[in-house]
Protein backbone atom coordinates (compact mmCIF):
# COMPACT_ATOMS: atom_id res chain seq x y z
CA UNK A 1 -48.06 21.26 14.08
CA UNK A 2 -45.01 19.48 15.39
CA UNK A 3 -42.17 17.82 13.52
CA UNK A 4 -39.64 15.30 14.79
CA UNK A 5 -36.65 15.04 12.44
CA UNK A 6 -35.16 11.74 11.37
CA UNK A 7 -33.18 9.92 14.03
CA UNK A 8 -30.63 7.32 12.81
CA UNK A 9 -31.14 5.30 15.98
CA UNK A 10 -34.96 5.17 15.70
CA UNK A 11 -34.91 5.25 11.86
CA UNK A 12 -38.08 7.30 11.68
CA UNK A 13 -39.28 10.91 11.37
CA UNK A 14 -42.74 12.13 12.39
CA UNK A 15 -45.06 15.07 11.98
CA UNK A 16 -48.27 15.97 13.79
CA UNK A 17 -50.75 17.90 11.65
CA UNK A 18 -54.40 18.90 11.76
CA UNK A 19 -56.79 17.90 8.98
CA UNK A 20 -59.60 20.01 7.53
CA UNK A 21 -61.97 18.79 10.21
CA UNK A 22 -59.63 19.88 12.99
CA UNK A 23 -58.62 16.34 13.92
CA UNK A 24 -55.04 15.63 14.87
CA UNK A 25 -53.23 13.56 12.26
CA UNK A 26 -49.94 11.75 12.71
CA UNK A 27 -47.68 11.16 9.70
CA UNK A 28 -44.55 9.00 9.95
CA UNK A 29 -41.95 7.82 7.51
CA UNK A 30 -38.89 5.63 7.93
CA UNK A 31 -37.61 2.08 7.71
CA UNK A 32 -40.32 -0.42 6.84
CA UNK A 33 -39.69 -2.64 9.86
CA UNK A 34 -40.00 0.35 12.21
CA UNK A 35 -43.24 1.57 10.60
CA UNK A 36 -44.62 -1.98 10.56
CA UNK A 37 -44.07 -2.26 14.31
CA UNK A 38 -46.30 0.75 15.05
CA UNK A 39 -48.80 0.82 12.18
CA UNK A 40 -51.38 -1.42 10.57
CA UNK A 41 -49.83 -2.86 7.37
CA UNK A 42 -51.32 -5.20 4.75
CA UNK A 43 -50.08 -8.81 4.92
CA UNK A 44 -48.26 -8.68 1.59
CA UNK A 45 -46.53 -5.35 2.21
CA UNK A 46 -43.49 -7.05 3.71
CA UNK A 47 -42.92 -9.09 0.54
CA UNK A 48 -43.31 -5.98 -1.61
CA UNK A 49 -40.77 -4.10 0.50
CA UNK A 50 -38.31 -7.01 0.29
CA UNK A 51 -38.73 -7.24 -3.49
CA UNK A 52 -38.03 -3.54 -3.90
CA UNK A 53 -35.03 -3.74 -1.57
CA UNK A 54 -33.76 -6.83 -3.39
CA UNK A 55 -33.51 -4.71 -6.54
CA UNK A 56 -31.10 -2.38 -4.74
CA UNK A 57 -33.68 0.26 -3.83
CA UNK A 58 -33.82 2.10 -0.55
CA UNK A 59 -37.37 1.53 0.70
CA UNK A 60 -39.13 4.13 2.83
CA UNK A 61 -42.50 3.34 4.38
CA UNK A 62 -45.07 6.11 4.95
CA UNK A 63 -47.90 5.77 7.44
CA UNK A 64 -50.67 8.19 8.41
CA UNK A 65 -53.73 8.30 10.59
CA UNK A 66 -54.85 9.08 14.12
CA UNK A 67 -52.10 9.09 16.71
CA UNK A 68 -52.80 5.56 17.94
CA UNK A 69 -54.20 4.09 14.71
CA UNK A 70 -51.57 4.51 12.01
CA UNK A 71 -52.07 2.74 8.70
CA UNK A 72 -49.52 2.15 5.97
CA UNK A 73 -50.06 4.73 3.24
CA UNK A 74 -47.47 3.49 0.80
CA UNK A 75 -43.89 2.57 0.03
CA UNK A 76 -41.32 4.84 -1.60
CA UNK A 77 -38.49 3.14 -3.47
CA UNK A 78 -35.43 5.36 -3.93
CA UNK A 79 -32.95 4.15 -6.53
CA UNK A 80 -29.35 5.04 -5.66
CA UNK A 81 -27.30 2.78 -7.95
CA UNK A 82 -23.54 2.48 -7.50
CA UNK A 83 -21.21 4.30 -9.85
CA UNK A 84 -20.41 2.56 -13.11
CA UNK A 85 -16.76 2.27 -12.13
CA UNK A 86 -17.50 0.78 -8.67
CA UNK A 87 -17.19 -2.88 -9.72
CA UNK A 88 -13.94 -2.23 -11.57
CA UNK A 89 -12.54 -0.30 -8.62
CA UNK A 90 -13.30 -3.09 -6.16
CA UNK A 91 -11.80 -5.67 -8.54
CA UNK A 92 -8.64 -3.54 -8.86
CA UNK A 93 -8.38 -3.28 -5.07
CA UNK A 94 -8.82 -7.04 -4.79
CA UNK A 95 -5.97 -7.57 -7.23
CA UNK A 96 -3.82 -5.35 -4.99
CA UNK A 97 -4.61 -7.50 -1.97
CA UNK A 98 -7.03 -4.99 -0.45
CA UNK A 99 -10.33 -6.31 0.94
CA UNK A 100 -13.36 -4.03 0.53
CA UNK A 101 -16.13 -4.00 3.13
CA UNK A 102 -19.47 -2.23 2.72
CA UNK A 103 -20.73 -0.23 5.69
CA UNK A 104 -24.22 1.18 5.16
CA UNK A 105 -27.34 2.32 6.91
CA UNK A 106 -29.51 0.47 4.36
CA UNK A 107 -31.38 -2.72 5.34
CA UNK A 108 -29.62 -6.07 4.79
CA UNK A 109 -31.62 -6.96 1.64
CA UNK A 110 -30.69 -3.70 -0.11
CA UNK A 111 -27.07 -3.89 1.04
CA UNK A 112 -26.74 -7.49 -0.20
CA UNK A 113 -28.12 -6.54 -3.63
CA UNK A 114 -25.67 -3.65 -4.02
CA UNK A 115 -22.79 -5.82 -2.77
CA UNK A 116 -23.53 -8.46 -5.40
CA UNK A 117 -23.68 -5.81 -8.11
CA UNK A 118 -20.26 -4.34 -7.30
CA UNK A 119 -18.55 -7.63 -6.43
CA UNK A 120 -18.17 -7.40 -2.65
CA UNK A 121 -17.98 -10.90 -1.18
CA UNK A 122 -18.80 -12.01 2.33
CA UNK A 123 -21.78 -12.49 4.61
CA UNK A 124 -24.16 -9.69 5.56
CA UNK A 125 -24.14 -8.83 9.24
CA UNK A 126 -27.65 -8.37 10.62
CA UNK A 127 -28.64 -4.94 11.97
CA UNK A 128 -27.45 -5.23 15.53
CA UNK A 129 -25.47 -2.88 17.74
CA UNK A 130 -21.81 -3.74 17.37
CA UNK A 131 -20.15 -4.96 20.56
CA UNK A 132 -16.73 -3.73 21.64
CA UNK A 133 -15.05 -6.83 20.21
CA UNK A 134 -16.29 -9.16 17.47
CA UNK A 135 -15.02 -11.07 14.43
CA UNK A 136 -14.95 -8.33 11.80
CA UNK A 137 -13.42 -10.71 9.24
CA UNK A 138 -16.55 -12.85 9.14
CA UNK A 139 -18.58 -10.30 7.20
CA UNK A 140 -18.30 -8.40 3.95
CA UNK A 141 -21.35 -6.17 4.44
CA UNK A 142 -22.49 -4.34 7.58
CA UNK A 143 -26.11 -3.21 7.25
CA UNK A 144 -28.11 -0.76 9.35
CA UNK A 145 -24.93 0.63 10.85
CA UNK A 146 -25.26 3.60 13.20
CA UNK A 147 -22.70 6.42 12.88
CA UNK A 148 -21.02 5.50 16.17
CA UNK A 149 -20.72 1.88 15.04
CA UNK A 150 -18.34 2.90 12.24
CA UNK A 151 -15.75 3.85 14.84
CA UNK A 152 -16.22 0.51 16.65
CA UNK A 153 -15.89 -1.33 13.34
CA UNK A 154 -12.56 0.35 12.52
CA UNK A 155 -11.27 -0.46 16.01
CA UNK A 156 -12.38 -4.10 15.70
CA UNK A 157 -10.56 -4.53 12.39
CA UNK A 158 -7.43 -2.91 13.76
CA UNK A 159 -7.51 -5.24 16.75
CA UNK A 160 -7.23 -8.15 14.30
CA UNK A 161 -4.04 -6.73 12.80
CA UNK A 162 -5.54 -5.04 9.74
CA UNK A 163 -4.40 -1.76 8.23
CA UNK A 164 -7.71 0.04 7.75
CA UNK A 165 -8.69 2.65 5.20
CA UNK A 166 -12.03 4.33 5.84
CA UNK A 167 -14.07 6.29 3.26
CA UNK A 168 -16.61 8.81 4.47
CA UNK A 169 -18.24 12.14 3.76
CA UNK A 170 -20.35 13.19 6.72
CA UNK A 171 -19.80 14.81 10.10
CA UNK A 172 -20.68 11.52 11.80
CA UNK A 173 -17.87 9.79 9.90
CA UNK A 174 -15.17 11.99 11.43
CA UNK A 175 -14.31 9.74 14.44
CA UNK A 176 -13.90 6.68 12.20
CA UNK A 177 -11.89 8.67 9.64
CA UNK A 178 -9.54 9.86 12.37
CA UNK A 179 -9.19 6.37 13.91
CA UNK A 180 -8.37 4.60 10.63
CA UNK A 181 -4.75 4.43 9.51
CA UNK A 182 -5.89 6.12 6.31
CA UNK A 183 -9.05 8.19 6.49
CA UNK A 184 -10.30 9.03 3.00
CA UNK A 185 -12.77 11.87 2.49
CA UNK A 186 -14.58 11.96 -0.84
CA UNK A 187 -14.65 15.14 -2.92
CA UNK A 188 -18.14 16.10 -1.71
CA UNK A 189 -17.39 15.50 1.99
CA UNK A 190 -18.09 18.03 4.71
CA UNK A 191 -15.28 20.21 6.03
CA UNK A 192 -15.27 18.24 9.29
CA UNK A 193 -14.77 14.95 7.45
CA UNK A 194 -12.00 16.44 5.31
CA UNK A 195 -10.23 17.77 8.40
CA UNK A 196 -10.38 14.35 10.08
CA UNK A 197 -9.21 12.42 7.01
CA UNK A 198 -5.64 11.71 5.99
CA UNK A 199 -6.43 11.93 2.28
CA UNK A 200 -9.03 14.07 0.50
CA UNK A 201 -10.24 13.13 -2.96
CA UNK A 202 -10.36 16.05 -5.38
CA UNK A 203 -12.41 14.34 -8.09
CA UNK A 204 -15.74 12.47 -7.96
CA UNK A 205 -15.54 8.73 -7.42
CA UNK A 206 -12.99 6.61 -5.60
CA UNK A 207 -10.63 5.81 -8.47
CA UNK A 208 -7.94 7.88 -6.79
CA UNK A 209 -7.69 5.26 -4.04
CA UNK A 210 -6.18 2.71 -6.44
CA UNK A 211 -3.71 5.30 -7.71
CA UNK A 212 -2.77 6.27 -4.15
CA UNK A 213 -2.14 2.64 -3.18
CA UNK A 214 0.04 2.04 -6.22
CA UNK A 215 2.05 5.22 -5.72
CA UNK A 216 2.47 4.43 -2.04
CA UNK A 217 3.80 0.98 -2.82
CA UNK A 218 6.16 2.40 -5.47
CA UNK A 219 7.55 4.83 -2.87
CA UNK A 220 7.90 2.01 -0.35
CA UNK A 221 9.66 -0.18 -2.93
CA UNK A 222 12.13 2.63 -3.67
CA UNK A 223 12.85 3.12 0.03
CA UNK A 224 13.27 -0.61 0.53
CA UNK A 225 15.61 -0.89 -2.47
CA UNK A 226 17.71 1.99 -1.13
CA UNK A 227 17.95 0.42 2.33
CA UNK A 228 18.64 -3.06 0.96
CA UNK A 229 21.34 -1.75 -1.37
CA UNK A 230 23.08 0.27 1.35
CA UNK A 231 23.07 -2.63 3.82
CA UNK A 232 24.64 -5.04 1.34
CA UNK A 233 27.36 -2.52 0.42
CA UNK A 234 28.19 -1.65 4.03
CA UNK A 235 28.42 -5.30 5.06
CA UNK A 236 30.73 -6.08 2.17
CA UNK A 237 32.89 -2.96 2.49
CA UNK A 238 33.66 -3.41 6.20
CA UNK A 239 34.61 -7.08 5.82
CA UNK A 240 36.54 -6.47 2.60
CA UNK A 241 38.75 -3.85 4.24
CA UNK A 242 39.60 -6.29 7.04
CA UNK A 243 40.18 -9.26 4.74
CA UNK A 244 42.20 -7.16 2.30
CA UNK A 245 44.47 -5.96 5.09
CA UNK A 246 45.23 -9.56 6.13
CA UNK A 247 45.55 -10.73 2.52
CA UNK A 248 47.98 -8.06 1.31
CA UNK A 249 49.57 -6.88 4.54
CA UNK A 250 48.56 -3.22 3.96
CA UNK A 251 45.48 -1.03 3.64
CA UNK A 252 43.77 -1.74 0.34
CA UNK A 253 42.27 1.74 0.07
CA UNK A 254 43.94 5.11 0.58
CA UNK A 255 42.02 7.96 2.24
CA UNK A 256 41.48 9.55 -1.18
CA UNK A 257 40.09 6.32 -2.57
CA UNK A 258 37.84 5.93 0.47
CA UNK A 259 36.36 9.37 -0.20
CA UNK A 260 35.88 8.55 -3.88
CA UNK A 261 34.25 5.25 -2.97
CA UNK A 262 31.78 6.93 -0.62
CA UNK A 263 30.94 9.60 -3.20
CA UNK A 264 30.32 7.12 -6.01
CA UNK A 265 28.30 4.81 -3.77
CA UNK A 266 26.16 7.61 -2.34
CA UNK A 267 25.35 9.20 -5.69
CA UNK A 268 24.48 5.83 -7.16
CA UNK A 269 22.29 4.90 -4.18
CA UNK A 270 20.51 8.26 -4.14
CA UNK A 271 19.55 7.78 -7.77
CA UNK A 272 17.26 4.96 -6.60
CA UNK A 273 14.91 7.57 -5.12
CA UNK A 274 14.06 8.63 -8.68
CA UNK A 275 14.14 5.14 -10.17
CA UNK A 276 11.39 3.66 -12.31
CA UNK A 277 10.05 1.17 -9.79
CA UNK A 278 7.13 -1.25 -10.00
CA UNK A 279 4.54 -1.47 -7.21
CA UNK A 280 4.26 -4.55 -5.04
CA UNK A 281 1.28 -6.82 -5.89
CA UNK A 282 0.40 -7.19 -2.20
CA UNK A 283 0.55 -4.94 0.87
CA UNK A 284 4.15 -4.37 1.93
CA UNK A 285 5.43 -4.82 5.46
CA UNK A 286 8.67 -3.42 6.86
CA UNK A 287 10.55 -6.51 8.15
CA UNK A 288 13.91 -5.10 9.20
CA UNK A 289 15.25 -8.38 10.58
CA UNK A 290 14.46 -10.20 7.37
CA UNK A 291 15.95 -7.41 5.26
CA UNK A 292 19.14 -7.47 7.33
CA UNK A 293 19.42 -11.25 7.12
CA UNK A 294 18.99 -11.20 3.34
CA UNK A 295 21.48 -8.33 3.08
CA UNK A 296 24.08 -10.33 5.03
CA UNK A 297 23.78 -13.28 2.64
CA UNK A 298 24.02 -11.14 -0.49
CA UNK A 299 26.78 -9.05 1.08
CA UNK A 300 28.82 -12.20 1.65
CA UNK A 301 28.29 -13.15 -1.99
CA UNK A 302 29.57 -9.75 -3.06
CA UNK A 303 32.47 -10.11 -0.62
CA UNK A 304 33.43 -13.39 -2.27
CA UNK A 305 33.71 -11.59 -5.62
CA UNK A 306 35.83 -8.72 -4.29
CA UNK A 307 38.12 -11.03 -2.33
CA UNK A 308 38.59 -13.35 -5.30
CA UNK A 309 39.55 -10.48 -7.62
CA UNK A 310 41.97 -9.07 -5.04
CA UNK A 311 43.55 -12.49 -4.45
CA UNK A 312 43.88 -12.98 -8.23
CA UNK A 313 45.70 -9.68 -8.56
CA UNK A 314 47.94 -10.40 -5.56
CA UNK A 315 48.95 -13.99 -6.23
CA UNK A 316 48.35 -14.53 -9.95
CA UNK A 317 49.17 -11.18 -11.48
CA UNK A 318 51.78 -10.22 -8.87
CA UNK A 319 50.56 -6.65 -8.49
CA UNK A 320 52.28 -4.34 -6.02
CA UNK A 321 50.61 -2.58 -3.09
CA UNK A 322 49.66 0.55 -5.06
CA UNK A 323 48.26 -1.43 -7.99
CA UNK A 324 46.27 -3.62 -5.58
CA UNK A 325 44.70 -0.49 -4.12
CA UNK A 326 43.60 0.56 -7.59
CA UNK A 327 42.30 -2.93 -8.26
CA UNK A 328 40.34 -2.98 -4.98
CA UNK A 329 38.80 0.42 -5.74
CA UNK A 330 37.83 -0.61 -9.26
CA UNK A 331 36.38 -3.91 -8.02
CA UNK A 332 34.22 -2.24 -5.39
CA UNK A 333 32.89 0.50 -7.65
CA UNK A 334 32.28 -1.66 -10.73
CA UNK A 335 30.84 -4.50 -8.67
CA UNK A 336 28.43 -2.07 -7.02
CA UNK A 337 27.00 -1.17 -10.42
CA UNK A 338 25.87 -4.72 -11.05
CA UNK A 339 24.70 -5.04 -7.44
CA UNK A 340 22.44 -2.02 -7.80
CA UNK A 341 20.71 -3.37 -10.90
CA UNK A 342 20.18 -6.72 -9.17
CA UNK A 343 18.69 -5.26 -5.97
CA UNK A 344 16.44 -2.63 -7.55
CA UNK A 345 14.03 -5.36 -8.71
CA UNK A 346 12.55 -8.24 -6.68
CA UNK A 347 12.22 -10.31 -9.85
CA UNK A 348 14.73 -10.55 -12.70
CA UNK A 349 16.87 -7.44 -12.91
CA UNK A 350 15.78 -6.82 -16.52
CA UNK A 351 12.11 -6.89 -15.51
CA UNK A 352 11.91 -3.09 -15.74
CA UNK A 353 14.03 -0.43 -17.38
CA UNK A 354 16.10 1.61 -14.89
CA UNK A 355 15.35 5.29 -14.48
CA UNK A 356 17.39 7.94 -16.25
CA UNK A 357 19.15 9.06 -13.06
CA UNK A 358 20.18 5.49 -12.23
CA UNK A 359 21.66 4.91 -15.65
CA UNK A 360 23.40 8.31 -15.69
CA UNK A 361 24.92 7.79 -12.22
CA UNK A 362 26.09 4.32 -13.18
CA UNK A 363 27.67 5.55 -16.42
CA UNK A 364 29.51 8.34 -14.60
CA UNK A 365 30.86 5.90 -11.99
CA UNK A 366 32.13 3.47 -14.64
CA UNK A 367 33.70 6.28 -16.66
CA UNK A 368 35.37 7.64 -13.49
CA UNK A 369 36.94 4.27 -12.66
CA UNK A 370 38.28 3.79 -16.17
CA UNK A 371 39.59 7.37 -16.34
CA UNK A 372 41.42 7.21 -13.01
CA UNK A 373 42.79 3.68 -13.42
CA UNK A 374 44.05 4.19 -16.97
CA UNK A 375 45.45 7.71 -16.45
CA UNK A 376 47.02 7.11 -13.04
CA UNK A 377 45.34 10.18 -11.48
CA UNK A 378 45.13 9.73 -7.65
CA UNK A 379 45.89 6.01 -8.12
CA UNK A 380 48.54 3.75 -9.55
CA UNK A 381 47.70 3.04 -13.21
CA UNK A 382 46.55 -0.39 -14.38
CA UNK A 383 46.50 -1.84 -17.92
CA UNK A 384 43.16 -1.55 -19.67
CA UNK A 385 43.02 -5.32 -19.97
CA UNK A 386 42.82 -5.68 -16.17
CA UNK A 387 40.15 -2.99 -15.78
CA UNK A 388 38.19 -4.50 -18.67
CA UNK A 389 38.44 -7.92 -17.04
CA UNK A 390 37.10 -6.54 -13.75
CA UNK A 391 34.23 -4.91 -15.63
CA UNK A 392 33.39 -8.18 -17.43
CA UNK A 393 33.60 -10.16 -14.17
CA UNK A 394 31.24 -7.65 -12.51
CA UNK A 395 28.67 -8.17 -15.28
CA UNK A 396 28.94 -11.95 -14.98
CA UNK A 397 28.64 -11.70 -11.20
CA UNK A 398 25.47 -9.61 -11.53
CA UNK A 399 23.87 -12.30 -13.70
CA UNK A 400 24.80 -14.99 -11.17
CA UNK A 401 23.69 -12.92 -8.16
CA UNK A 402 20.36 -12.29 -9.87
CA UNK A 403 19.73 -16.04 -9.74
CA UNK A 404 20.81 -16.27 -6.10
CA UNK A 405 18.68 -13.29 -5.11
CA UNK A 406 15.32 -14.78 -6.10
CA UNK A 407 15.09 -17.55 -3.49
CA UNK A 408 16.61 -15.29 -0.84
CA UNK A 409 14.10 -12.42 -1.19
CA UNK A 410 11.32 -14.99 -1.42
CA UNK A 411 12.41 -16.87 1.70
CA UNK A 412 12.87 -13.70 3.78
CA UNK A 413 9.82 -11.93 2.25
CA UNK A 414 11.78 -8.84 1.30
CA UNK A 415 9.31 -6.41 -0.30
C-alpha cells in the first residue's frame, strides 16, 4: 500500500490498496472539481455538490476504482458553521470602521454562503493564484486560497495604504501574521503562529479583537489629547511672556512663578494619561501638521484671553508690577484648567466625565492659586474679588472656546 497525504496545491490525497482478489485499487478524496477532472462522475453530481456547498458545507468527493478508471463513490458534506457571535463581531468591527475580509481554502460557493451568514460584503474572488499586485479592495471573500497566497494578499492590501490585521492559527499562516501590521493568533493556534503574531488571543473566539481596537483607540486619544494640550499651552506661554514684557515694561513672571507654572501645568497634563477617554469611531491617524495648525489657532485664542486680563489689570485696575505678576500667574493657571477640559474631548467638553486624577489635579491647582494669591506667599497678594473674577472669566472662556474648537478639530481632522 502507498499513501499520498493531502496537498493544498493539488487539493487531493490518494491511497493505493489491494482488494481481496489481489487487484490494485486506487482511492482518492479531495475537492470535487479535482476529483471530477480525473474520475467518472454522474451528470447530476455537480449540482448536488453545489447545493451542499451552498448550504455552507465543506464538500469532499471520494472516488475509487482501478488506477486509470476511477469512479465517484460519494460526497461527504462537513458542516463547520461559524460561531454564534461571528455576525455580531463583524458588525461591531464595521461600526468601528474596520473592513473584514474572508480568506479561506473552501470553494467559492461555500465561502459565499458563510460570508452571507456572518455579514461579510463584497464579491468572491475565483480560485486563482494571486499575482504580485492586484486590486484587493474589489473583493470581500478570497476562496481556494493557498497558504503562500495569504502573504501576497497582506502585501497587496498594504500597498493600497491599508493597515492590515491578520488572524491565523497554523504554521502556514506565520509569514502573513508577521507581515501584517497586527498579526492575531487565536487561542488554539500553533506555537509558530503565536510567535509570529503581535497579539495572541487567550480565550476562544475573536471578541477580544473588538476590545483591543477600542482600548488602542482610547490610548491613542489620550496621547493625542496630551500632545494637543501641551502644544496649545506652549504656544500661548511663549507669546504671552513676550507680549506681557512689552505691555508692562517688565517680566510678568518671576523665576519662582515660572517654576510653579511648569509644575502645575505638568501635573495637570500628566493626569490626562489616566483620564476617562472615549474611543474614536473611526481609525485614527497621526497628523502632526494638522495638530500643530489647530494648536496654533487655539493657542492664539487662549493668548487673547491672557493678554486681555493682563491689560485690564494694567490699565483699568492700575495694578503695580508685582500685582501684575500675580495676576499673570493666576490667569495662566486658571485658564489652563478650562483649556484642559475643552481639549480632552473632541465633542462638547461635557460629553464625558473627567477621570478622578484629572479632577483632583485641577482642584489642587485652583486651590494653590487662591492660597498663594490671597495669602501673599511667594507673590504679591491680590483681593479675592480679582482672583474670583479671573476664575469666572476662565470658566466663561472655556465655554466659548468649546464652541470654537468644534469646527477647528473637524476641519483639521484632529483625532
